[in-house]
Amino acid sequence: MTGDRRPKPLIAVSEAAYLAGVSRSVAYQWVRAGCMPGHVELNGRHYVKRQVLLAWLAGDGGSPGDHIASEWVYDSERDPVVGKTVAGRESRA
């Protein structure tokens, strides 16, 4: 019997941190701030949709926060995504 080697659609926040090249603590800051692309919570546990994160990392996913509710207002002063281009400007380090 061969194992299923397809990538999982949901990954742990720690794996998302690894893929994004940031620490786990930064990734959890993104989750708490509502800026982690593809974040979902299931039974009190946090996961990230792999394809949404990969698209965002490739530059195809828009600005941080575009993936969440439309009433969310982007606040550049509180942007946890340091170094990402936001609305045509570099965010502050």
PDB file of N, CA and C in Angstrom:
ATOM      1  N   MET A   1       0.833  -1.175   0.000  1.00  0.00           N
ATOM      2  CA  MET A   1       0.000   0.000   0.000  1.00  0.00           C
ATOM      3  C   MET A   1       0.879   1.241   0.000  1.00  0.00           C
ATOM      4  N   THR A   2       0.618   2.163  -0.905  1.00  0.00           N
ATOM      5  CA  THR A   2       1.417   3.380  -0.975  1.00  0.00           C
ATOM      6  C   THR A   2       0.740   4.487  -0.193  1.00  0.00           C
ATOM      7  N   GLY A   3       1.547   5.355   0.420  1.00  0.00           N
ATOM      8  CA  GLY A   3       1.010   6.470   1.196  1.00  0.00           C
ATOM      9  C   GLY A   3       0.566   7.614   0.299  1.00  0.00           C
ATOM     10  N   ASP A   4      -0.321   8.411   0.818  1.00  0.00           N
ATOM     11  CA  ASP A   4      -0.795   9.592   0.101  1.00  0.00           C
ATOM     12  C   ASP A   4       0.230  10.698   0.296  1.00  0.00           C
ATOM     13  N   ARG A   5       0.899  11.111  -0.779  1.00  0.00           N
ATOM     14  CA  ARG A   5       1.970  12.099  -0.685  1.00  0.00           C
ATOM     15  C   ARG A   5       1.546  13.488  -1.127  1.00  0.00           C
ATOM     16  N   ARG A   6       0.260  13.692  -1.334  1.00  0.00           N
ATOM     17  CA  ARG A   6      -0.214  15.031  -1.693  1.00  0.00           C
ATOM     18  C   ARG A   6      -0.026  15.967  -0.503  1.00  0.00           C
ATOM     19  N   PRO A   7       0.331  17.222  -0.757  1.00  0.00           N
ATOM     20  CA  PRO A   7       0.472  18.165   0.356  1.00  0.00           C
ATOM     21  C   PRO A   7      -0.861  18.370   1.067  1.00  0.00           C
ATOM     22  N   LYS A   8      -0.795  18.535   2.372  1.00  0.00           N
ATOM     23  CA  LYS A   8      -1.992  18.787   3.161  1.00  0.00           C
ATOM     24  C   LYS A   8      -2.515  20.190   2.852  1.00  0.00           C
ATOM     25  N   PRO A   9      -3.840  20.355   2.737  1.00  0.00           N
ATOM     26  CA  PRO A   9      -4.379  21.688   2.451  1.00  0.00           C
ATOM     27  C   PRO A   9      -4.230  22.640   3.636  1.00  0.00           C
ATOM     28  N   LEU A  10      -4.241  22.116   4.861  1.00  0.00           N
ATOM     29  CA  LEU A  10      -4.048  22.934   6.049  1.00  0.00           C
ATOM     30  C   LEU A  10      -2.731  22.554   6.709  1.00  0.00           C
ATOM     31  N   ILE A  11      -1.977  23.568   7.102  1.00  0.00           N
ATOM     32  CA  ILE A  11      -0.695  23.321   7.760  1.00  0.00           C
ATOM     33  C   ILE A  11      -0.677  24.039   9.103  1.00  0.00           C
ATOM     34  N   ALA A  12       0.193  23.586   9.976  1.00  0.00           N
ATOM     35  CA  ALA A  12       0.353  24.215  11.281  1.00  0.00           C
ATOM     36  C   ALA A  12       0.988  25.596  11.114  1.00  0.00           C
ATOM     37  N   VAL A  13       0.745  26.461  12.082  1.00  0.00           N
ATOM     38  CA  VAL A  13       1.329  27.805  12.042  1.00  0.00           C
ATOM     39  C   VAL A  13       2.858  27.710  12.038  1.00  0.00           C
ATOM     40  N   SER A  14       3.413  26.734  12.730  1.00  0.00           N
ATOM     41  CA  SER A  14       4.873  26.589  12.744  1.00  0.00           C
ATOM     42  C   SER A  14       5.408  26.261  11.352  1.00  0.00           C
ATOM     43  N   GLU A  15       4.687  25.442  10.591  1.00  0.00           N
ATOM     44  CA  GLU A  15       5.112  25.148   9.213  1.00  0.00           C
ATOM     45  C   GLU A  15       4.947  26.382   8.328  1.00  0.00           C
ATOM     46  N   ALA A  16       3.878  27.136   8.547  1.00  0.00           N
ATOM     47  CA  ALA A  16       3.671  28.379   7.797  1.00  0.00           C
ATOM     48  C   ALA A  16       4.812  29.354   8.078  1.00  0.00           C
ATOM     49  N   ALA A  17       5.239  29.411   9.338  1.00  0.00           N
ATOM     50  CA  ALA A  17       6.367  30.279   9.706  1.00  0.00           C
ATOM     51  C   ALA A  17       7.615  29.868   8.948  1.00  0.00           C
ATOM     52  N   TYR A  18       7.873  28.570   8.894  1.00  0.00           N
ATOM     53  CA  TYR A  18       9.045  28.058   8.176  1.00  0.00           C
ATOM     54  C   TYR A  18       8.982  28.445   6.696  1.00  0.00           C
ATOM     55  N   LEU A  19       7.814  28.245   6.070  1.00  0.00           N
ATOM     56  CA  LEU A  19       7.666  28.570   4.651  1.00  0.00           C
ATOM     57  C   LEU A  19       7.823  30.067   4.396  1.00  0.00           C
ATOM     58  N   ALA A  20       7.367  30.881   5.350  1.00  0.00           N
ATOM     59  CA  ALA A  20       7.452  32.337   5.196  1.00  0.00           C
ATOM     60  C   ALA A  20       8.819  32.883   5.587  1.00  0.00           C
ATOM     61  N   GLY A  21       9.646  32.047   6.197  1.00  0.00           N
ATOM     62  CA  GLY A  21      10.982  32.489   6.594  1.00  0.00           C
ATOM     63  C   GLY A  21      10.980  33.397   7.810  1.00  0.00           C
ATOM     64  N   VAL A  22       9.995  33.187   8.698  1.00  0.00           N
ATOM     65  CA  VAL A  22       9.918  33.968   9.920  1.00  0.00           C
ATOM     66  C   VAL A  22       9.881  33.027  11.115  1.00  0.00           C
ATOM     67  N   SER A  23      10.071  33.586  12.301  1.00  0.00           N
ATOM     68  CA  SER A  23      10.017  32.769  13.509  1.00  0.00           C
ATOM     69  C   SER A  23       8.571  32.385  13.824  1.00  0.00           C
ATOM     70  N   ARG A  24       8.412  31.357  14.652  1.00  0.00           N
ATOM     71  CA  ARG A  24       7.073  30.957  15.082  1.00  0.00           C
ATOM     72  C   ARG A  24       6.381  32.096  15.817  1.00  0.00           C
ATOM     73  N   SER A  25       7.147  32.838  16.624  1.00  0.00           N
ATOM     74  CA  SER A  25       6.528  33.928  17.388  1.00  0.00           C
ATOM     75  C   SER A  25       5.984  35.011  16.456  1.00  0.00           C
ATOM     76  N   VAL A  26       6.696  35.317  15.381  1.00  0.00           N
ATOM     77  CA  VAL A  26       6.202  36.296  14.400  1.00  0.00           C
ATOM     78  C   VAL A  26       4.945  35.764  13.716  1.00  0.00           C
ATOM     79  N   ALA A  27       4.958  34.492  13.356  1.00  0.00           N
ATOM     80  CA  ALA A  27       3.789  33.902  12.705  1.00  0.00           C
ATOM     81  C   ALA A  27       2.567  33.976  13.624  1.00  0.00           C
ATOM     82  N   TYR A  28       2.747  33.706  14.905  1.00  0.00           N
ATOM     83  CA  TYR A  28       1.619  33.795  15.833  1.00  0.00           C
ATOM     84  C   TYR A  28       1.200  35.246  16.065  1.00  0.00           C
ATOM     85  N   GLN A  29       2.126  36.189  15.954  1.00  0.00           N
ATOM     86  CA  GLN A  29       1.749  37.605  16.012  1.00  0.00           C
ATOM     87  C   GLN A  29       0.838  37.940  14.833  1.00  0.00           C
ATOM     88  N   TRP A  30       1.178  37.421  13.642  1.00  0.00           N
ATOM     89  CA  TRP A  30       0.347  37.636  12.461  1.00  0.00           C
ATOM     90  C   TRP A  30      -1.048  37.061  12.687  1.00  0.00           C
ATOM     91  N   VAL A  31      -1.111  35.857  13.291  1.00  0.00           N
ATOM     92  CA  VAL A  31      -2.404  35.222  13.571  1.00  0.00           C
ATOM     93  C   VAL A  31      -3.222  36.110  14.507  1.00  0.00           C
ATOM     94  N   ARG A  32      -2.607  36.553  15.611  1.00  0.00           N
ATOM     95  CA  ARG A  32      -3.315  37.387  16.590  1.00  0.00           C
ATOM     96  C   ARG A  32      -3.759  38.720  15.987  1.00  0.00           C
ATOM     97  N   ALA A  33      -2.970  39.264  15.079  1.00  0.00           N
ATOM     98  CA  ALA A  33      -3.296  40.549  14.444  1.00  0.00           C
ATOM     99  C   ALA A  33      -4.299  40.390  13.300  1.00  0.00           C
ATOM    100  N   GLY A  34      -4.605  39.147  12.928  1.00  0.00           N
ATOM    101  CA  GLY A  34      -5.537  38.916  11.828  1.00  0.00           C
ATOM    102  C   GLY A  34      -4.917  39.098  10.460  1.00  0.00           C
ATOM    103  N   CYS A  35      -3.593  39.014  10.382  1.00  0.00           N
ATOM    104  CA  CYS A  35      -2.889  39.260   9.116  1.00  0.00           C
ATOM    105  C   CYS A  35      -2.257  38.020   8.502  1.00  0.00           C
ATOM    106  N   MET A  36      -2.413  36.856   9.121  1.00  0.00           N
ATOM    107  CA  MET A  36      -1.829  35.641   8.550  1.00  0.00           C
ATOM    108  C   MET A  36      -2.684  35.208   7.371  1.00  0.00           C
ATOM    109  N   PRO A  37      -2.128  35.239   6.152  1.00  0.00           N
ATOM    110  CA  PRO A  37      -2.895  34.810   4.980  1.00  0.00           C
ATOM    111  C   PRO A  37      -3.352  33.362   5.117  1.00  0.00           C
ATOM    112  N   GLY A  38      -4.628  33.123   4.922  1.00  0.00           N
ATOM    113  CA  GLY A  38      -5.163  31.772   4.950  1.00  0.00           C
ATOM    114  C   GLY A  38      -5.398  31.200   6.328  1.00  0.00           C
ATOM    115  N   HIS A  39      -5.359  32.026   7.361  1.00  0.00           N
ATOM    116  CA  HIS A  39      -5.537  31.525   8.723  1.00  0.00           C
ATOM    117  C   HIS A  39      -6.955  31.020   8.947  1.00  0.00           C
ATOM    118  N   VAL A  40      -7.058  29.854   9.572  1.00  0.00           N
ATOM    119  CA  VAL A  40      -8.341  29.311  10.003  1.00  0.00           C
ATOM    120  C   VAL A  40      -8.163  28.753  11.406  1.00  0.00           C
ATOM    121  N   GLU A  41      -9.252  28.752  12.170  1.00  0.00           N
ATOM    122  CA  GLU A  41      -9.236  28.162  13.505  1.00  0.00           C
ATOM    123  C   GLU A  41     -10.247  27.035  13.530  1.00  0.00           C
ATOM    124  N   LEU A  42      -9.796  25.861  13.917  1.00  0.00           N
ATOM    125  CA  LEU A  42     -10.656  24.688  14.000  1.00  0.00           C
ATOM    126  C   LEU A  42     -10.494  24.073  15.381  1.00  0.00           C
ATOM    127  N   ASN A  43     -11.596  23.966  16.100  1.00  0.00           N
ATOM    128  CA  ASN A  43     -11.576  23.381  17.442  1.00  0.00           C
ATOM    129  C   ASN A  43     -10.525  24.018  18.338  1.00  0.00           C
ATOM    130  N   GLY A  44     -10.382  25.329  18.227  1.00  0.00           N
ATOM    131  CA  GLY A  44      -9.448  26.048  19.074  1.00  0.00           C
ATOM    132  C   GLY A  44      -7.994  25.973  18.641  1.00  0.00           C
ATOM    133  N   ARG A  45      -7.715  25.319  17.531  1.00  0.00           N
ATOM    134  CA  ARG A  45      -6.343  25.208  17.014  1.00  0.00           C
ATOM    135  C   ARG A  45      -6.217  26.059  15.761  1.00  0.00           C
ATOM    136  N   HIS A  46      -5.041  26.604  15.562  1.00  0.00           N
ATOM    137  CA  HIS A  46      -4.794  27.501  14.433  1.00  0.00           C
ATOM    138  C   HIS A  46      -4.072  26.764  13.314  1.00  0.00           C
ATOM    139  N   TYR A  47      -4.573  26.970  12.102  1.00  0.00           N
ATOM    140  CA  TYR A  47      -3.990  26.385  10.902  1.00  0.00           C
ATOM    141  C   TYR A  47      -3.909  27.456   9.825  1.00  0.00           C
ATOM    142  N   VAL A  48      -3.194  27.130   8.752  1.00  0.00           N
ATOM    143  CA  VAL A  48      -3.065  28.042   7.619  1.00  0.00           C
ATOM    144  C   VAL A  48      -3.340  27.240   6.351  1.00  0.00           C
ATOM    145  N   LYS A  49      -4.131  27.835   5.450  1.00  0.00           N
ATOM    146  CA  LYS A  49      -4.387  27.200   4.155  1.00  0.00           C
ATOM    147  C   LYS A  49      -3.115  27.327   3.328  1.00  0.00           C
ATOM    148  N   ARG A  50      -2.523  26.175   3.014  1.00  0.00           N
ATOM    149  CA  ARG A  50      -1.238  26.130   2.320  1.00  0.00           C
ATOM    150  C   ARG A  50      -1.240  26.940   1.030  1.00  0.00           C
ATOM    151  N   GLN A  51      -2.233  26.747   0.174  1.00  0.00           N
ATOM    152  CA  GLN A  51      -2.244  27.407  -1.133  1.00  0.00           C
ATOM    153  C   GLN A  51      -2.392  28.924  -1.006  1.00  0.00           C
ATOM    154  N   VAL A  52      -3.172  29.388  -0.023  1.00  0.00           N
ATOM    155  CA  VAL A  52      -3.329  30.828   0.180  1.00  0.00           C
ATOM    156  C   VAL A  52      -1.992  31.429   0.611  1.00  0.00           C
ATOM    157  N   LEU A  53      -1.321  30.774   1.552  1.00  0.00           N
ATOM    158  CA  LEU A  53      -0.022  31.264   2.013  1.00  0.00           C
ATOM    159  C   LEU A  53       1.002  31.268   0.881  1.00  0.00           C
ATOM    160  N   LEU A  54       1.060  30.182   0.116  1.00  0.00           N
ATOM    161  CA  LEU A  54       2.033  30.107  -0.978  1.00  0.00           C
ATOM    162  C   LEU A  54       1.765  31.171  -2.038  1.00  0.00           C
ATOM    163  N   ALA A  55       0.492  31.428  -2.341  1.00  0.00           N
ATOM    164  CA  ALA A  55       0.159  32.482  -3.312  1.00  0.00           C
ATOM    165  C   ALA A  55       0.584  33.838  -2.777  1.00  0.00           C
ATOM    166  N   TRP A  56       0.353  34.079  -1.490  1.00  0.00           N
ATOM    167  CA  TRP A  56       0.746  35.353  -0.883  1.00  0.00           C
ATOM    168  C   TRP A  56       2.259  35.521  -0.910  1.00  0.00           C
ATOM    169  N   LEU A  57       2.981  34.453  -0.592  1.00  0.00           N
ATOM    170  CA  LEU A  57       4.441  34.519  -0.608  1.00  0.00           C
ATOM    171  C   LEU A  57       4.982  34.757  -2.008  1.00  0.00           C
ATOM    172  N   ALA A  58       4.279  34.238  -3.013  1.00  0.00           N
ATOM    173  CA  ALA A  58       4.699  34.419  -4.407  1.00  0.00           C
ATOM    174  C   ALA A  58       4.313  35.796  -4.940  1.00  0.00           C
ATOM    175  N   GLY A  59       3.582  36.562  -4.138  1.00  0.00           N
ATOM    176  CA  GLY A  59       3.178  37.886  -4.570  1.00  0.00           C
ATOM    177  C   GLY A  59       1.848  37.923  -5.284  1.00  0.00           C
ATOM    178  N   ASP A  60       1.121  36.793  -5.277  1.00  0.00           N
ATOM    179  CA  ASP A  60      -0.159  36.715  -5.969  1.00  0.00           C
ATOM    180  C   ASP A  60      -1.347  36.888  -5.038  1.00  0.00           C
ATOM    181  N   GLY A  61      -1.084  37.099  -3.762  1.00  0.00           N
ATOM    182  CA  GLY A  61      -2.175  37.108  -2.793  1.00  0.00           C
ATOM    183  C   GLY A  61      -2.601  38.470  -2.317  1.00  0.00           C
ATOM    184  N   GLY A  62      -2.066  39.538  -2.856  1.00  0.00           N
ATOM    185  CA  GLY A  62      -2.459  40.873  -2.429  1.00  0.00           C
ATOM    186  C   GLY A  62      -1.730  41.299  -1.171  1.00  0.00           C
ATOM    187  N   SER A  63      -2.214  42.363  -0.598  1.00  0.00           N
ATOM    188  CA  SER A  63      -1.623  42.925   0.614  1.00  0.00           C
ATOM    189  C   SER A  63      -2.063  42.132   1.834  1.00  0.00           C
ATOM    190  N   PRO A  64      -1.311  42.221   2.935  1.00  0.00           N
ATOM    191  CA  PRO A  64      -1.725  41.540   4.158  1.00  0.00           C
ATOM    192  C   PRO A  64      -3.125  42.002   4.550  1.00  0.00           C
ATOM    193  N   GLY A  65      -3.981  41.060   4.878  1.00  0.00           N
ATOM    194  CA  GLY A  65      -5.326  41.400   5.295  1.00  0.00           C
ATOM    195  C   GLY A  65      -6.354  41.356   4.185  1.00  0.00           C
ATOM    196  N   ASP A  66      -5.948  41.295   2.920  1.00  0.00           N
ATOM    197  CA  ASP A  66      -6.909  41.251   1.818  1.00  0.00           C
ATOM    198  C   ASP A  66      -7.790  40.008   1.877  1.00  0.00           C
ATOM    199  N   HIS A  67      -7.302  38.967   2.521  1.00  0.00           N
ATOM    200  CA  HIS A  67      -7.999  37.692   2.552  1.00  0.00           C
ATOM    201  C   HIS A  67      -9.070  37.622   3.631  1.00  0.00           C
ATOM    202  N   ILE A  68      -9.144  38.637   4.506  1.00  0.00           N
ATOM    203  CA  ILE A  68     -10.130  38.589   5.578  1.00  0.00           C
ATOM    204  C   ILE A  68     -11.269  39.552   5.292  1.00  0.00           C
ATOM    205  N   ALA A  69     -12.210  39.639   6.186  1.00  0.00           N
ATOM    206  CA  ALA A  69     -13.450  40.387   5.967  1.00  0.00           C
ATOM    207  C   ALA A  69     -13.200  41.791   5.433  1.00  0.00           C
ATOM    208  N   SER A  70     -14.087  42.231   4.561  1.00  0.00           N
ATOM    209  CA  SER A  70     -13.913  43.519   3.889  1.00  0.00           C
ATOM    210  C   SER A  70     -13.989  44.694   4.854  1.00  0.00           C
ATOM    211  N   GLU A  71     -14.608  44.519   6.033  1.00  0.00           N
ATOM    212  CA  GLU A  71     -14.673  45.634   6.964  1.00  0.00           C
ATOM    213  C   GLU A  71     -13.351  45.855   7.704  1.00  0.00           C
ATOM    214  N   TRP A  72     -12.415  44.932   7.561  1.00  0.00           N
ATOM    215  CA  TRP A  72     -11.109  45.092   8.186  1.00  0.00           C
ATOM    216  C   TRP A  72     -10.397  46.258   7.520  1.00  0.00           C
ATOM    217  N   VAL A  73      -9.850  47.157   8.303  1.00  0.00           N
ATOM    218  CA  VAL A  73      -9.159  48.327   7.778  1.00  0.00           C
ATOM    219  C   VAL A  73      -7.667  48.161   8.019  1.00  0.00           C
ATOM    220  N   TYR A  74      -6.889  48.289   6.970  1.00  0.00           N
ATOM    221  CA  TYR A  74      -5.444  48.146   7.079  1.00  0.00           C
ATOM    222  C   TYR A  74      -4.843  49.340   7.814  1.00  0.00           C
ATOM    223  N   ASP A  75      -4.024  49.065   8.798  1.00  0.00           N
ATOM    224  CA  ASP A  75      -3.372  50.101   9.596  1.00  0.00           C
ATOM    225  C   ASP A  75      -1.871  49.916   9.452  1.00  0.00           C
ATOM    226  N   SER A  76      -1.219  50.745   8.642  1.00  0.00           N
ATOM    227  CA  SER A  76       0.209  50.588   8.368  1.00  0.00           C
ATOM    228  C   SER A  76       1.060  50.767   9.612  1.00  0.00           C
ATOM    229  N   GLU A  77       0.551  51.478  10.605  1.00  0.00           N
ATOM    230  CA  GLU A  77       1.313  51.671  11.840  1.00  0.00           C
ATOM    231  C   GLU A  77       1.399  50.387  12.645  1.00  0.00           C
ATOM    232  N   ARG A  78       0.452  49.467  12.450  1.00  0.00           N
ATOM    233  CA  ARG A  78       0.426  48.226  13.212  1.00  0.00           C
ATOM    234  C   ARG A  78       0.747  47.015  12.350  1.00  0.00           C
ATOM    235  N   ASP A  79       1.312  47.228  11.177  1.00  0.00           N
ATOM    236  CA  ASP A  79       1.585  46.151  10.229  1.00  0.00           C
ATOM    237  C   ASP A  79       2.627  45.195  10.784  1.00  0.00           C
ATOM    238  N   PRO A  80       2.259  43.924  11.076  1.00  0.00           N
ATOM    239  CA  PRO A  80       3.243  42.969  11.568  1.00  0.00           C
ATOM    240  C   PRO A  80       4.102  42.382  10.462  1.00  0.00           C
ATOM    241  N   VAL A  81       3.807  42.696   9.210  1.00  0.00           N
ATOM    242  CA  VAL A  81       4.526  42.119   8.080  1.00  0.00           C
ATOM    243  C   VAL A  81       5.622  43.091   7.658  1.00  0.00           C
ATOM    244  N   VAL A  82       6.705  43.076   8.365  1.00  0.00           N
ATOM    245  CA  VAL A  82       7.807  43.994   8.101  1.00  0.00           C
ATOM    246  C   VAL A  82       8.506  43.595   6.807  1.00  0.00           C
ATOM    247  N   GLY A  83       8.741  44.574   5.947  1.00  0.00           N
ATOM    248  CA  GLY A  83       9.489  44.325   4.720  1.00  0.00           C
ATOM    249  C   GLY A  83       8.631  43.980   3.524  1.00  0.00           C
ATOM    250  N   LYS A  84       7.332  43.725   3.712  1.00  0.00           N
ATOM    251  CA  LYS A  84       6.462  43.445   2.575  1.00  0.00           C
ATOM    252  C   LYS A  84       5.986  44.766   1.989  1.00  0.00           C
ATOM    253  N   THR A  85       5.869  44.839   0.675  1.00  0.00           N
ATOM    254  CA  THR A  85       5.350  46.033   0.040  1.00  0.00           C
ATOM    255  C   THR A  85       3.852  46.094   0.274  1.00  0.00           C
ATOM    256  N   VAL A  86       3.390  47.222   0.770  1.00  0.00           N
ATOM    257  CA  VAL A  86       1.981  47.397   1.077  1.00  0.00           C
ATOM    258  C   VAL A  86       1.496  48.633   0.342  1.00  0.00           C
ATOM    259  N   ALA A  87       0.521  48.458  -0.506  1.00  0.00           N
ATOM    260  CA  ALA A  87      -0.092  49.571  -1.256  1.00  0.00           C
ATOM    261  C   ALA A  87       0.971  50.429  -1.942  1.00  0.00           C
ATOM    262  N   GLY A  88       1.958  49.776  -2.525  1.00  0.00           N
ATOM    263  CA  GLY A  88       2.980  50.488  -3.286  1.00  0.00           C
ATOM    264  C   GLY A  88       4.094  51.096  -2.468  1.00  0.00           C
ATOM    265  N   ARG A  89       4.060  50.914  -1.141  1.00  0.00           N
ATOM    266  CA  ARG A  89       5.109  51.468  -0.274  1.00  0.00           C
ATOM    267  C   ARG A  89       5.725  50.351   0.544  1.00  0.00           C
ATOM    268  N   GLU A  90       6.962  50.541   0.918  1.00  0.00           N
ATOM    269  CA  GLU A  90       7.582  49.588   1.835  1.00  0.00           C
ATOM    270  C   GLU A  90       7.077  49.863   3.238  1.00  0.00           C
ATOM    271  N   SER A  91       6.701  48.812   3.957  1.00  0.00           N
ATOM    272  CA  SER A  91       6.293  49.023   5.345  1.00  0.00           C
ATOM    273  C   SER A  91       7.529  49.312   6.190  1.00  0.00           C
ATOM    274  N   ARG A  92       7.310  49.943   7.314  1.00  0.00           N
ATOM    275  CA  ARG A  92       8.426  50.325   8.182  1.00  0.00           C
ATOM    276  C   ARG A  92       9.032  49.117   8.868  1.00  0.00           C
ATOM    277  N   ALA A  93      10.338  49.148   9.058  1.00  0.00           N
ATOM    278  CA  ALA A  93      11.023  48.067   9.751  1.00  0.00           C
ATOM    279  C   ALA A  93      10.991  48.284  11.240  1.00  0.00           C
TER     280      ALA A  93
END
